[in-house]
Amino acid sequence: MTDKLKLALAVLIVAVGVGGFYFLGGKPELYQWATFLVAAAIAVAVALQSAPGKAAWEFAKGARLELRKVVWPAQKETMQMTLVVFLMVVLVAAFLWGVDLLVYLGVKKITG
């Protein structure tokens, strides 16, 4: 039950931050964004105190750990694959243009 209250409080704090953002509509944008970001930071801090918040934090840490294990391609490989993808896009576009042209000519011949 307390976890639900903590999450509800976090949502309420975000809502207050959004309300503060619009309440300060005539003020400089810095004040508007600062109000919202402070409220969002407080809401995250409150949400992380709940069991679902702690689980989400552990999941994010695990995801970051797995991201570090990824072997990213070298720049040369990236450029080669980008070129291959670009070439395939051009080829498929040309093929579809040709099919469209044939259908257009066929319909034009049938309808006169």
PDB file of N, CA and C in Angstrom:
ATOM      1  N   MET A   1       0.820  -1.195   0.000  1.00  0.00           N
ATOM      2  CA  MET A   1       0.000   0.000   0.000  1.00  0.00           C
ATOM      3  C   MET A   1       0.862   1.257   0.000  1.00  0.00           C
ATOM      4  N   THR A   2       1.955   1.211   0.771  1.00  0.00           N
ATOM      5  CA  THR A   2       2.793   2.411   0.825  1.00  0.00           C
ATOM      6  C   THR A   2       3.465   2.675  -0.519  1.00  0.00           C
ATOM      7  N   ASP A   3       3.741   1.598  -1.273  1.00  0.00           N
ATOM      8  CA  ASP A   3       4.344   1.793  -2.593  1.00  0.00           C
ATOM      9  C   ASP A   3       3.390   2.536  -3.515  1.00  0.00           C
ATOM     10  N   LYS A   4       2.122   2.184  -3.445  1.00  0.00           N
ATOM     11  CA  LYS A   4       1.134   2.881  -4.272  1.00  0.00           C
ATOM     12  C   LYS A   4       1.038   4.350  -3.883  1.00  0.00           C
ATOM     13  N   LEU A   5       1.113   4.618  -2.588  1.00  0.00           N
ATOM     14  CA  LEU A   5       1.064   6.010  -2.135  1.00  0.00           C
ATOM     15  C   LEU A   5       2.292   6.786  -2.612  1.00  0.00           C
ATOM     16  N   LYS A   6       3.443   6.142  -2.550  1.00  0.00           N
ATOM     17  CA  LYS A   6       4.663   6.807  -3.015  1.00  0.00           C
ATOM     18  C   LYS A   6       4.582   7.119  -4.504  1.00  0.00           C
ATOM     19  N   LEU A   7       4.096   6.160  -5.284  1.00  0.00           N
ATOM     20  CA  LEU A   7       3.975   6.395  -6.725  1.00  0.00           C
ATOM     21  C   LEU A   7       2.913   7.446  -7.020  1.00  0.00           C
ATOM     22  N   ALA A   8       1.815   7.423  -6.271  1.00  0.00           N
ATOM     23  CA  ALA A   8       0.780   8.447  -6.456  1.00  0.00           C
ATOM     24  C   ALA A   8       1.328   9.823  -6.094  1.00  0.00           C
ATOM     25  N   LEU A   9       2.124   9.886  -5.033  1.00  0.00           N
ATOM     26  CA  LEU A   9       2.740  11.153  -4.648  1.00  0.00           C
ATOM     27  C   LEU A   9       3.698  11.634  -5.735  1.00  0.00           C
ATOM     28  N   ALA A  10       4.435  10.719  -6.340  1.00  0.00           N
ATOM     29  CA  ALA A  10       5.355  11.093  -7.421  1.00  0.00           C
ATOM     30  C   ALA A  10       4.583  11.658  -8.605  1.00  0.00           C
ATOM     31  N   VAL A  11       3.471  11.025  -8.956  1.00  0.00           N
ATOM     32  CA  VAL A  11       2.646  11.531 -10.061  1.00  0.00           C
ATOM     33  C   VAL A  11       2.079  12.898  -9.706  1.00  0.00           C
ATOM     34  N   LEU A  12       1.646  13.059  -8.463  1.00  0.00           N
ATOM     35  CA  LEU A  12       1.117  14.352  -8.022  1.00  0.00           C
ATOM     36  C   LEU A  12       2.192  15.438  -8.093  1.00  0.00           C
ATOM     37  N   ILE A  13       3.406  15.101  -7.720  1.00  0.00           N
ATOM     38  CA  ILE A  13       4.502  16.075  -7.779  1.00  0.00           C
ATOM     39  C   ILE A  13       4.779  16.474  -9.224  1.00  0.00           C
ATOM     40  N   VAL A  14       4.751  15.522 -10.141  1.00  0.00           N
ATOM     41  CA  VAL A  14       4.937  15.854 -11.562  1.00  0.00           C
ATOM     42  C   VAL A  14       3.807  16.760 -12.031  1.00  0.00           C
ATOM     43  N   ALA A  15       2.579  16.461 -11.608  1.00  0.00           N
ATOM     44  CA  ALA A  15       1.440  17.303 -11.993  1.00  0.00           C
ATOM     45  C   ALA A  15       1.606  18.718 -11.455  1.00  0.00           C
ATOM     46  N   VAL A  16       2.095  18.838 -10.232  1.00  0.00           N
ATOM     47  CA  VAL A  16       2.352  20.167  -9.669  1.00  0.00           C
ATOM     48  C   VAL A  16       3.446  20.869 -10.473  1.00  0.00           C
ATOM     49  N   GLY A  17       4.456  20.133 -10.890  1.00  0.00           N
ATOM     50  CA  GLY A  17       5.516  20.716 -11.713  1.00  0.00           C
ATOM     51  C   GLY A  17       4.992  21.214 -13.044  1.00  0.00           C
ATOM     52  N   VAL A  18       4.116  20.428 -13.675  1.00  0.00           N
ATOM     53  CA  VAL A  18       3.518  20.858 -14.944  1.00  0.00           C
ATOM     54  C   VAL A  18       2.644  22.084 -14.709  1.00  0.00           C
ATOM     55  N   GLY A  19       1.874  22.061 -13.626  1.00  0.00           N
ATOM     56  CA  GLY A  19       1.048  23.222 -13.292  1.00  0.00           C
ATOM     57  C   GLY A  19       1.901  24.454 -13.040  1.00  0.00           C
ATOM     58  N   GLY A  20       3.006  24.274 -12.327  1.00  0.00           N
ATOM     59  CA  GLY A  20       3.914  25.394 -12.081  1.00  0.00           C
ATOM     60  C   GLY A  20       4.523  25.929 -13.360  1.00  0.00           C
ATOM     61  N   PHE A  21       4.804  25.016 -14.291  1.00  0.00           N
ATOM     62  CA  PHE A  21       5.345  25.425 -15.588  1.00  0.00           C
ATOM     63  C   PHE A  21       4.381  26.379 -16.280  1.00  0.00           C
ATOM     64  N   TYR A  22       3.099  26.010 -16.309  1.00  0.00           N
ATOM     65  CA  TYR A  22       2.116  26.853 -16.989  1.00  0.00           C
ATOM     66  C   TYR A  22       1.727  28.066 -16.153  1.00  0.00           C
ATOM     67  N   PHE A  23       1.796  27.945 -14.831  1.00  0.00           N
ATOM     68  CA  PHE A  23       1.498  29.083 -13.966  1.00  0.00           C
ATOM     69  C   PHE A  23       2.515  30.199 -14.175  1.00  0.00           C
ATOM     70  N   LEU A  24       3.746  29.833 -14.439  1.00  0.00           N
ATOM     71  CA  LEU A  24       4.807  30.815 -14.669  1.00  0.00           C
ATOM     72  C   LEU A  24       4.910  31.175 -16.147  1.00  0.00           C
ATOM     73  N   GLY A  25       3.808  31.124 -16.866  1.00  0.00           N
ATOM     74  CA  GLY A  25       3.799  31.374 -18.305  1.00  0.00           C
ATOM     75  C   GLY A  25       4.332  32.735 -18.705  1.00  0.00           C
ATOM     76  N   GLY A  26       4.133  33.748 -17.894  1.00  0.00           N
ATOM     77  CA  GLY A  26       4.604  35.086 -18.238  1.00  0.00           C
ATOM     78  C   GLY A  26       6.049  35.343 -17.843  1.00  0.00           C
ATOM     79  N   LYS A  27       6.618  34.449 -17.094  1.00  0.00           N
ATOM     80  CA  LYS A  27       7.997  34.607 -16.611  1.00  0.00           C
ATOM     81  C   LYS A  27       8.975  34.057 -17.648  1.00  0.00           C
ATOM     82  N   PRO A  28      10.270  34.299 -17.447  1.00  0.00           N
ATOM     83  CA  PRO A  28      11.263  33.733 -18.373  1.00  0.00           C
ATOM     84  C   PRO A  28      11.181  32.199 -18.402  1.00  0.00           C
ATOM     85  N   GLU A  29      11.508  31.644 -19.557  1.00  0.00           N
ATOM     86  CA  GLU A  29      11.434  30.190 -19.731  1.00  0.00           C
ATOM     87  C   GLU A  29      12.332  29.445 -18.754  1.00  0.00           C
ATOM     88  N   LEU A  30      13.413  30.060 -18.356  1.00  0.00           N
ATOM     89  CA  LEU A  30      14.320  29.417 -17.410  1.00  0.00           C
ATOM     90  C   LEU A  30      13.585  29.059 -16.125  1.00  0.00           C
ATOM     91  N   TYR A  31      12.743  29.961 -15.634  1.00  0.00           N
ATOM     92  CA  TYR A  31      11.989  29.699 -14.407  1.00  0.00           C
ATOM     93  C   TYR A  31      10.969  28.587 -14.621  1.00  0.00           C
ATOM     94  N   GLN A  32      10.342  28.595 -15.790  1.00  0.00           N
ATOM     95  CA  GLN A  32       9.356  27.559 -16.091  1.00  0.00           C
ATOM     96  C   GLN A  32      10.013  26.178 -16.097  1.00  0.00           C
ATOM     97  N   TRP A  33      11.104  26.061 -16.847  1.00  0.00           N
ATOM     98  CA  TRP A  33      11.773  24.765 -16.959  1.00  0.00           C
ATOM     99  C   TRP A  33      12.403  24.346 -15.640  1.00  0.00           C
ATOM    100  N   ALA A  34      12.943  25.309 -14.903  1.00  0.00           N
ATOM    101  CA  ALA A  34      13.541  24.978 -13.609  1.00  0.00           C
ATOM    102  C   ALA A  34      12.479  24.415 -12.666  1.00  0.00           C
ATOM    103  N   THR A  35      11.297  25.025 -12.668  1.00  0.00           N
ATOM    104  CA  THR A  35      10.206  24.535 -11.828  1.00  0.00           C
ATOM    105  C   THR A  35       9.841  23.101 -12.196  1.00  0.00           C
ATOM    106  N   PHE A  36       9.676  22.868 -13.478  1.00  0.00           N
ATOM    107  CA  PHE A  36       9.301  21.521 -13.920  1.00  0.00           C
ATOM    108  C   PHE A  36      10.398  20.506 -13.622  1.00  0.00           C
ATOM    109  N   LEU A  37      11.652  20.852 -13.920  1.00  0.00           N
ATOM    110  CA  LEU A  37      12.747  19.897 -13.728  1.00  0.00           C
ATOM    111  C   LEU A  37      12.984  19.577 -12.255  1.00  0.00           C
ATOM    112  N   VAL A  38      12.847  20.577 -11.393  1.00  0.00           N
ATOM    113  CA  VAL A  38      12.995  20.321  -9.956  1.00  0.00           C
ATOM    114  C   VAL A  38      11.881  19.396  -9.478  1.00  0.00           C
ATOM    115  N   ALA A  39      10.660  19.669  -9.923  1.00  0.00           N
ATOM    116  CA  ALA A  39       9.540  18.800  -9.541  1.00  0.00           C
ATOM    117  C   ALA A  39       9.750  17.388 -10.072  1.00  0.00           C
ATOM    118  N   ALA A  40      10.228  17.268 -11.297  1.00  0.00           N
ATOM    119  CA  ALA A  40      10.469  15.943 -11.876  1.00  0.00           C
ATOM    120  C   ALA A  40      11.558  15.207 -11.101  1.00  0.00           C
ATOM    121  N   ALA A  41      12.613  15.913 -10.713  1.00  0.00           N
ATOM    122  CA  ALA A  41      13.689  15.282  -9.945  1.00  0.00           C
ATOM    123  C   ALA A  41      13.183  14.807  -8.587  1.00  0.00           C
ATOM    124  N   ILE A  42      12.367  15.619  -7.941  1.00  0.00           N
ATOM    125  CA  ILE A  42      11.797  15.217  -6.653  1.00  0.00           C
ATOM    126  C   ILE A  42      10.877  14.011  -6.842  1.00  0.00           C
ATOM    127  N   ALA A  43      10.094  14.021  -7.915  1.00  0.00           N
ATOM    128  CA  ALA A  43       9.185  12.904  -8.187  1.00  0.00           C
ATOM    129  C   ALA A  43       9.965  11.614  -8.428  1.00  0.00           C
ATOM    130  N   VAL A  44      11.059  11.707  -9.155  1.00  0.00           N
ATOM    131  CA  VAL A  44      11.886  10.518  -9.394  1.00  0.00           C
ATOM    132  C   VAL A  44      12.469  10.019  -8.076  1.00  0.00           C
ATOM    133  N   ALA A  45      12.930  10.944  -7.241  1.00  0.00           N
ATOM    134  CA  ALA A  45      13.490  10.550  -5.948  1.00  0.00           C
ATOM    135  C   ALA A  45      12.435   9.852  -5.094  1.00  0.00           C
ATOM    136  N   VAL A  46      11.215  10.355  -5.110  1.00  0.00           N
ATOM    137  CA  VAL A  46      10.135   9.721  -4.344  1.00  0.00           C
ATOM    138  C   VAL A  46       9.791   8.361  -4.941  1.00  0.00           C
ATOM    139  N   ALA A  47       9.701   8.288  -6.268  1.00  0.00           N
ATOM    140  CA  ALA A  47       9.336   7.028  -6.924  1.00  0.00           C
ATOM    141  C   ALA A  47      10.395   5.953  -6.693  1.00  0.00           C
ATOM    142  N   LEU A  48      11.656   6.347  -6.621  1.00  0.00           N
ATOM    143  CA  LEU A  48      12.723   5.365  -6.409  1.00  0.00           C
ATOM    144  C   LEU A  48      12.696   4.772  -5.005  1.00  0.00           C
ATOM    145  N   GLN A  49      11.935   5.361  -4.103  1.00  0.00           N
ATOM    146  CA  GLN A  49      11.815   4.814  -2.753  1.00  0.00           C
ATOM    147  C   GLN A  49      10.832   3.652  -2.692  1.00  0.00           C
ATOM    148  N   SER A  50      10.031   3.468  -3.746  1.00  0.00           N
ATOM    149  CA  SER A  50       9.057   2.382  -3.770  1.00  0.00           C
ATOM    150  C   SER A  50       9.702   1.118  -4.344  1.00  0.00           C
ATOM    151  N   ALA A  51       9.046  -0.013  -4.128  1.00  0.00           N
ATOM    152  CA  ALA A  51       9.566  -1.282  -4.658  1.00  0.00           C
ATOM    153  C   ALA A  51       9.609  -1.282  -6.185  1.00  0.00           C
ATOM    154  N   PRO A  52       8.552  -0.825  -6.879  1.00  0.00           N
ATOM    155  CA  PRO A  52       8.653  -0.770  -8.345  1.00  0.00           C
ATOM    156  C   PRO A  52       9.745   0.190  -8.819  1.00  0.00           C
ATOM    157  N   GLY A  53       9.938   1.274  -8.095  1.00  0.00           N
ATOM    158  CA  GLY A  53      10.990   2.215  -8.457  1.00  0.00           C
ATOM    159  C   GLY A  53      12.370   1.605  -8.294  1.00  0.00           C
ATOM    160  N   LYS A  54      12.555   0.867  -7.202  1.00  0.00           N
ATOM    161  CA  LYS A  54      13.841   0.193  -6.992  1.00  0.00           C
ATOM    162  C   LYS A  54      14.073  -0.869  -8.058  1.00  0.00           C
ATOM    163  N   ALA A  55      13.009  -1.586  -8.422  1.00  0.00           N
ATOM    164  CA  ALA A  55      13.132  -2.606  -9.468  1.00  0.00           C
ATOM    165  C   ALA A  55      13.477  -1.964 -10.807  1.00  0.00           C
ATOM    166  N   ALA A  56      12.861  -0.826 -11.100  1.00  0.00           N
ATOM    167  CA  ALA A  56      13.163  -0.122 -12.352  1.00  0.00           C
ATOM    168  C   ALA A  56      14.612   0.355 -12.356  1.00  0.00           C
ATOM    169  N   TRP A  57      15.091   0.823 -11.213  1.00  0.00           N
ATOM    170  CA  TRP A  57      16.479   1.284 -11.119  1.00  0.00           C
ATOM    171  C   TRP A  57      17.451   0.123 -11.336  1.00  0.00           C
ATOM    172  N   GLU A  58      17.160  -1.027 -10.730  1.00  0.00           N
ATOM    173  CA  GLU A  58      18.009  -2.206 -10.923  1.00  0.00           C
ATOM    174  C   GLU A  58      17.988  -2.656 -12.381  1.00  0.00           C
ATOM    175  N   PHE A  59      16.818  -2.594 -13.012  1.00  0.00           N
ATOM    176  CA  PHE A  59      16.715  -2.947 -14.425  1.00  0.00           C
ATOM    177  C   PHE A  59      17.571  -2.007 -15.271  1.00  0.00           C
ATOM    178  N   ALA A  60      17.512  -0.705 -14.972  1.00  0.00           N
ATOM    179  CA  ALA A  60      18.295   0.271 -15.733  1.00  0.00           C
ATOM    180  C   ALA A  60      19.794   0.023 -15.546  1.00  0.00           C
ATOM    181  N   LYS A  61      20.199  -0.315 -14.322  1.00  0.00           N
ATOM    182  CA  LYS A  61      21.611  -0.611 -14.092  1.00  0.00           C
ATOM    183  C   LYS A  61      22.039  -1.851 -14.865  1.00  0.00           C
ATOM    184  N   GLY A  62      21.191  -2.872 -14.878  1.00  0.00           N
ATOM    185  CA  GLY A  62      21.499  -4.087 -15.629  1.00  0.00           C
ATOM    186  C   GLY A  62      21.563  -3.830 -17.128  1.00  0.00           C
ATOM    187  N   ALA A  63      20.650  -2.988 -17.616  1.00  0.00           N
ATOM    188  CA  ALA A  63      20.655  -2.657 -19.041  1.00  0.00           C
ATOM    189  C   ALA A  63      21.927  -1.904 -19.409  1.00  0.00           C
ATOM    190  N   ARG A  64      22.355  -1.021 -18.536  1.00  0.00           N
ATOM    191  CA  ARG A  64      23.587  -0.276 -18.805  1.00  0.00           C
ATOM    192  C   ARG A  64      24.797  -1.210 -18.804  1.00  0.00           C
ATOM    193  N   LEU A  65      24.790  -2.168 -17.908  1.00  0.00           N
ATOM    194  CA  LEU A  65      25.874  -3.146 -17.861  1.00  0.00           C
ATOM    195  C   LEU A  65      25.918  -3.959 -19.152  1.00  0.00           C
ATOM    196  N   GLU A  66      24.765  -4.385 -19.635  1.00  0.00           N
ATOM    197  CA  GLU A  66      24.711  -5.136 -20.890  1.00  0.00           C
ATOM    198  C   GLU A  66      25.129  -4.267 -22.071  1.00  0.00           C
ATOM    199  N   LEU A  67      24.788  -2.993 -22.021  1.00  0.00           N
ATOM    200  CA  LEU A  67      25.165  -2.081 -23.099  1.00  0.00           C
ATOM    201  C   LEU A  67      26.680  -1.947 -23.198  1.00  0.00           C
ATOM    202  N   ARG A  68      27.350  -2.011 -22.060  1.00  0.00           N
ATOM    203  CA  ARG A  68      28.813  -1.933 -22.075  1.00  0.00           C
ATOM    204  C   ARG A  68      29.445  -3.177 -22.692  1.00  0.00           C
ATOM    205  N   LYS A  69      28.726  -4.290 -22.676  1.00  0.00           N
ATOM    206  CA  LYS A  69      29.255  -5.536 -23.227  1.00  0.00           C
ATOM    207  C   LYS A  69      29.123  -5.608 -24.744  1.00  0.00           C
ATOM    208  N   VAL A  70      28.337  -4.728 -25.321  1.00  0.00           N
ATOM    209  CA  VAL A  70      28.097  -4.772 -26.761  1.00  0.00           C
ATOM    210  C   VAL A  70      29.381  -4.432 -27.506  1.00  0.00           C
ATOM    211  N   VAL A  71      29.676  -5.197 -28.548  1.00  0.00           N
ATOM    212  CA  VAL A  71      30.826  -4.912 -29.402  1.00  0.00           C
ATOM    213  C   VAL A  71      30.310  -4.083 -30.571  1.00  0.00           C
ATOM    214  N   TRP A  72      30.627  -2.814 -30.557  1.00  0.00           N
ATOM    215  CA  TRP A  72      30.140  -1.902 -31.576  1.00  0.00           C
ATOM    216  C   TRP A  72      31.008  -2.018 -32.824  1.00  0.00           C
ATOM    217  N   PRO A  73      30.426  -1.859 -34.011  1.00  0.00           N
ATOM    218  CA  PRO A  73      31.223  -1.962 -35.241  1.00  0.00           C
ATOM    219  C   PRO A  73      32.172  -0.771 -35.383  1.00  0.00           C
ATOM    220  N   ALA A  74      33.247  -1.014 -36.121  1.00  0.00           N
ATOM    221  CA  ALA A  74      34.205   0.058 -36.388  1.00  0.00           C
ATOM    222  C   ALA A  74      33.584   1.043 -37.375  1.00  0.00           C
ATOM    223  N   GLN A  75      34.210   2.197 -37.508  1.00  0.00           N
ATOM    224  CA  GLN A  75      33.669   3.227 -38.391  1.00  0.00           C
ATOM    225  C   GLN A  75      33.621   2.733 -39.838  1.00  0.00           C
ATOM    226  N   LYS A  76      34.641   1.990 -40.254  1.00  0.00           N
ATOM    227  CA  LYS A  76      34.670   1.488 -41.629  1.00  0.00           C
ATOM    228  C   LYS A  76      33.483   0.557 -41.884  1.00  0.00           C
ATOM    229  N   GLU A  77      33.230  -0.357 -40.961  1.00  0.00           N
ATOM    230  CA  GLU A  77      32.095  -1.266 -41.114  1.00  0.00           C
ATOM    231  C   GLU A  77      30.776  -0.504 -41.131  1.00  0.00           C
ATOM    232  N   THR A  78      30.670   0.493 -40.289  1.00  0.00           N
ATOM    233  CA  THR A  78      29.447   1.295 -40.234  1.00  0.00           C
ATOM    234  C   THR A  78      29.211   2.005 -41.553  1.00  0.00           C
ATOM    235  N   MET A  79      30.258   2.580 -42.112  1.00  0.00           N
ATOM    236  CA  MET A  79      30.114   3.288 -43.387  1.00  0.00           C
ATOM    237  C   MET A  79      29.753   2.314 -44.508  1.00  0.00           C
ATOM    238  N   GLN A  80      30.368   1.134 -44.512  1.00  0.00           N
ATOM    239  CA  GLN A  80      30.061   0.140 -45.542  1.00  0.00           C
ATOM    240  C   GLN A  80      28.605  -0.301 -45.459  1.00  0.00           C
ATOM    241  N   MET A  81      28.141  -0.585 -44.267  1.00  0.00           N
ATOM    242  CA  MET A  81      26.753  -1.025 -44.116  1.00  0.00           C
ATOM    243  C   MET A  81      25.780   0.098 -44.455  1.00  0.00           C
ATOM    244  N   THR A  82      26.136   1.332 -44.122  1.00  0.00           N
ATOM    245  CA  THR A  82      25.286   2.466 -44.477  1.00  0.00           C
ATOM    246  C   THR A  82      25.191   2.588 -45.987  1.00  0.00           C
ATOM    247  N   LEU A  83      26.302   2.404 -46.668  1.00  0.00           N
ATOM    248  CA  LEU A  83      26.310   2.463 -48.134  1.00  0.00           C
ATOM    249  C   LEU A  83      25.465   1.339 -48.728  1.00  0.00           C
ATOM    250  N   VAL A  84      25.561   0.141 -48.168  1.00  0.00           N
ATOM    251  CA  VAL A  84      24.763  -0.985 -48.656  1.00  0.00           C
ATOM    252  C   VAL A  84      23.273  -0.698 -48.464  1.00  0.00           C
ATOM    253  N   VAL A  85      22.909  -0.190 -47.308  1.00  0.00           N
ATOM    254  CA  VAL A  85      21.500   0.134 -47.047  1.00  0.00           C
ATOM    255  C   VAL A  85      21.023   1.211 -48.008  1.00  0.00           C
ATOM    256  N   PHE A  86      21.824   2.246 -48.206  1.00  0.00           N
ATOM    257  CA  PHE A  86      21.446   3.319 -49.128  1.00  0.00           C
ATOM    258  C   PHE A  86      21.266   2.776 -50.544  1.00  0.00           C
ATOM    259  N   LEU A  87      22.179   1.921 -50.972  1.00  0.00           N
ATOM    260  CA  LEU A  87      22.089   1.330 -52.307  1.00  0.00           C
ATOM    261  C   LEU A  87      20.824   0.484 -52.447  1.00  0.00           C
ATOM    262  N   MET A  88      20.501  -0.298 -51.428  1.00  0.00           N
ATOM    263  CA  MET A  88      19.285  -1.109 -51.477  1.00  0.00           C
ATOM    264  C   MET A  88      18.036  -0.235 -51.518  1.00  0.00           C
ATOM    265  N   VAL A  89      18.040   0.853 -50.799  1.00  0.00           N
ATOM    266  CA  VAL A  89      16.891   1.769 -50.830  1.00  0.00           C
ATOM    267  C   VAL A  89      16.714   2.328 -52.231  1.00  0.00           C
ATOM    268  N   VAL A  90      17.811   2.717 -52.863  1.00  0.00           N
ATOM    269  CA  VAL A  90      17.733   3.252 -54.227  1.00  0.00           C
ATOM    270  C   VAL A  90      17.234   2.176 -55.188  1.00  0.00           C
ATOM    271  N   LEU A  91      17.743   0.950 -55.068  1.00  0.00           N
ATOM    272  CA  LEU A  91      17.309  -0.132 -55.957  1.00  0.00           C
ATOM    273  C   LEU A  91      15.828  -0.467 -55.773  1.00  0.00           C
ATOM    274  N   VAL A  92      15.377  -0.550 -54.549  1.00  0.00           N
ATOM    275  CA  VAL A  92      13.963  -0.847 -54.301  1.00  0.00           C
ATOM    276  C   VAL A  92      13.091   0.297 -54.799  1.00  0.00           C
ATOM    277  N   ALA A  93      13.533   1.531 -54.612  1.00  0.00           N
ATOM    278  CA  ALA A  93      12.769   2.678 -55.111  1.00  0.00           C
ATOM    279  C   ALA A  93      12.675   2.639 -56.629  1.00  0.00           C
ATOM    280  N   ALA A  94      13.775   2.307 -57.298  1.00  0.00           N
ATOM    281  CA  ALA A  94      13.750   2.219 -58.763  1.00  0.00           C
ATOM    282  C   ALA A  94      12.831   1.085 -59.216  1.00  0.00           C
ATOM    283  N   PHE A  95      12.876  -0.047 -58.532  1.00  0.00           N
ATOM    284  CA  PHE A  95      11.993  -1.162 -58.874  1.00  0.00           C
ATOM    285  C   PHE A  95      10.527  -0.769 -58.706  1.00  0.00           C
ATOM    286  N   LEU A  96      10.197  -0.151 -57.583  1.00  0.00           N
ATOM    287  CA  LEU A  96       8.812   0.264 -57.355  1.00  0.00           C
ATOM    288  C   LEU A  96       8.373   1.322 -58.353  1.00  0.00           C
ATOM    289  N   TRP A  97       9.285   2.217 -58.723  1.00  0.00           N
ATOM    290  CA  TRP A  97       8.960   3.210 -59.744  1.00  0.00           C
ATOM    291  C   TRP A  97       8.645   2.514 -61.070  1.00  0.00           C
ATOM    292  N   GLY A  98       9.442   1.500 -61.418  1.00  0.00           N
ATOM    293  CA  GLY A  98       9.204   0.758 -62.655  1.00  0.00           C
ATOM    294  C   GLY A  98       7.872   0.021 -62.630  1.00  0.00           C
ATOM    295  N   VAL A  99       7.564  -0.629 -61.519  1.00  0.00           N
ATOM    296  CA  VAL A  99       6.280  -1.322 -61.397  1.00  0.00           C
ATOM    297  C   VAL A  99       5.139  -0.323 -61.493  1.00  0.00           C
ATOM    298  N   ASP A 100       5.275   0.809 -60.826  1.00  0.00           N
ATOM    299  CA  ASP A 100       4.243   1.841 -60.874  1.00  0.00           C
ATOM    300  C   ASP A 100       4.058   2.350 -62.299  1.00  0.00           C
ATOM    301  N   LEU A 101       5.156   2.542 -63.018  1.00  0.00           N
ATOM    302  CA  LEU A 101       5.075   3.012 -64.403  1.00  0.00           C
ATOM    303  C   LEU A 101       4.356   1.991 -65.276  1.00  0.00           C
ATOM    304  N   LEU A 102       4.679   0.708 -65.109  1.00  0.00           N
ATOM    305  CA  LEU A 102       4.009  -0.331 -65.897  1.00  0.00           C
ATOM    306  C   LEU A 102       2.513  -0.392 -65.588  1.00  0.00           C
ATOM    307  N   VAL A 103       2.161  -0.291 -64.325  1.00  0.00           N
ATOM    308  CA  VAL A 103       0.739  -0.291 -63.957  1.00  0.00           C
ATOM    309  C   VAL A 103       0.050   0.930 -64.546  1.00  0.00           C
ATOM    310  N   TYR A 104       0.699   2.080 -64.461  1.00  0.00           N
ATOM    311  CA  TYR A 104       0.131   3.315 -65.019  1.00  0.00           C
ATOM    312  C   TYR A 104      -0.095   3.173 -66.524  1.00  0.00           C
ATOM    313  N   LEU A 105       0.916   2.667 -67.235  1.00  0.00           N
ATOM    314  CA  LEU A 105       0.778   2.514 -68.683  1.00  0.00           C
ATOM    315  C   LEU A 105      -0.298   1.491 -69.032  1.00  0.00           C
ATOM    316  N   GLY A 106      -0.388   0.412 -68.251  1.00  0.00           N
ATOM    317  CA  GLY A 106      -1.427  -0.586 -68.493  1.00  0.00           C
ATOM    318  C   GLY A 106      -2.822  -0.022 -68.285  1.00  0.00           C
ATOM    319  N   VAL A 107      -3.000   0.716 -67.201  1.00  0.00           N
ATOM    320  CA  VAL A 107      -4.308   1.325 -66.932  1.00  0.00           C
ATOM    321  C   VAL A 107      -4.626   2.370 -67.981  1.00  0.00           C
ATOM    322  N   LYS A 108      -3.622   3.130 -68.385  1.00  0.00           N
ATOM    323  CA  LYS A 108      -3.841   4.162 -69.404  1.00  0.00           C
ATOM    324  C   LYS A 108      -4.256   3.523 -70.735  1.00  0.00           C
ATOM    325  N   LYS A 109      -3.624   2.391 -71.078  1.00  0.00           N
ATOM    326  CA  LYS A 109      -3.959   1.719 -72.337  1.00  0.00           C
ATOM    327  C   LYS A 109      -5.376   1.139 -72.281  1.00  0.00           C
ATOM    328  N   ILE A 110      -5.750   0.593 -71.123  1.00  0.00           N
ATOM    329  CA  ILE A 110      -7.082   0.001 -70.982  1.00  0.00           C
ATOM    330  C   ILE A 110      -8.165   1.076 -71.011  1.00  0.00           C
ATOM    331  N   THR A 111      -7.939   2.176 -70.298  1.00  0.00           N
ATOM    332  CA  THR A 111      -8.971   3.213 -70.187  1.00  0.00           C
ATOM    333  C   THR A 111      -8.938   4.198 -71.340  1.00  0.00           C
ATOM    334  N   GLY A 112      -7.891   4.190 -72.089  1.00  0.00           N
ATOM    335  CA  GLY A 112      -7.823   5.049 -73.267  1.00  0.00           C
ATOM    336  C   GLY A 112      -7.327   6.364 -72.928  1.00  0.00           C
TER     337      GLY A 112
END
